[in-house]
Amino acid sequence: MRINKFISETGFCSRREADKLVESGQVTINGEKAVLGSQAEEGDDVRVNGRRLHERKQQHVYIALNKPVGVTSTTERHIKENIVDFVGHSERIFPIGRLDKDSEGLILLTSDGDIVNKILRSEGRHEKEYVVTVNRPITESFIRGMSSGVKILGEMTLPCTVTRMSERTFRIILTEGKNRQIRRMCSAFGYEVRKLQRIRIMNIRLGSQRTGTWRDLSSEEKAELGRLLDYKLT
């Protein structure tokens, strides 16, 4: 299998992060420096910075965290308040996608590198739902404009579902994930986001889970997530 897949299946990191390790010359296969696209097989001596990686003998971890404001969605341990140290899981896990430091709510973490790409692939059009509070009253023109697409970062966002909940709060369902997308969309209409909470990723819902806590996905959630992704969660 490709070296990035081999590394991700050990639970060391995601495929994307594995590619970065390979590109920077930190990976060897049987003593030879790996390159992007290198192949590794069961029994090969694969090392990252001299540390040998071993095949997983147990099931992967899939958890849902209600991330508080101030925690950064990164595996880089030198960054203060990084999400890995915040969770403090005994397994090596990494977040699936990102949630801004100044945003809160649902984020998934896993030891399964393959599922990361399955969920993040833009062509999958996987739904993510948010509740957003802004700094001034919401108008009908704002709802229509946000729903039909907004030009940010040089291109139009995809049409999405936007529902007014109260004078300054709305619900939005996206099927893409551009950098700080909701904040940029609101800014295009002269609004400033005061609170942003993600409450759903595909079939996984935040519900009444308390801020700062995490839980393992239920067997039912994993089964439905696997069905939606056409992927077997192990």
Foldseek 3Di string as FASTA:
>chain_A
DWPLQVCLQLLQDASVVSQVQLVVQQKDWQRHRDHGRDDDDPPIQIGGNNHTGDGDPDFKFKKKAFADAQAWQDPPVVDPNHPCVLQVDPGRKHWLDTDDNRATEITMIMSRNVVSCLQQPLVLLWKWKKKWFWDFFDDPVLQVQQQCWDQDPRDTFHHWHWADDDRGMIMIIGSHDDDVVVQRSQVSVPIGTPYMYIADTRPDGRPPPDHSDMDTDDPVRQVVSCVSSVHHRD
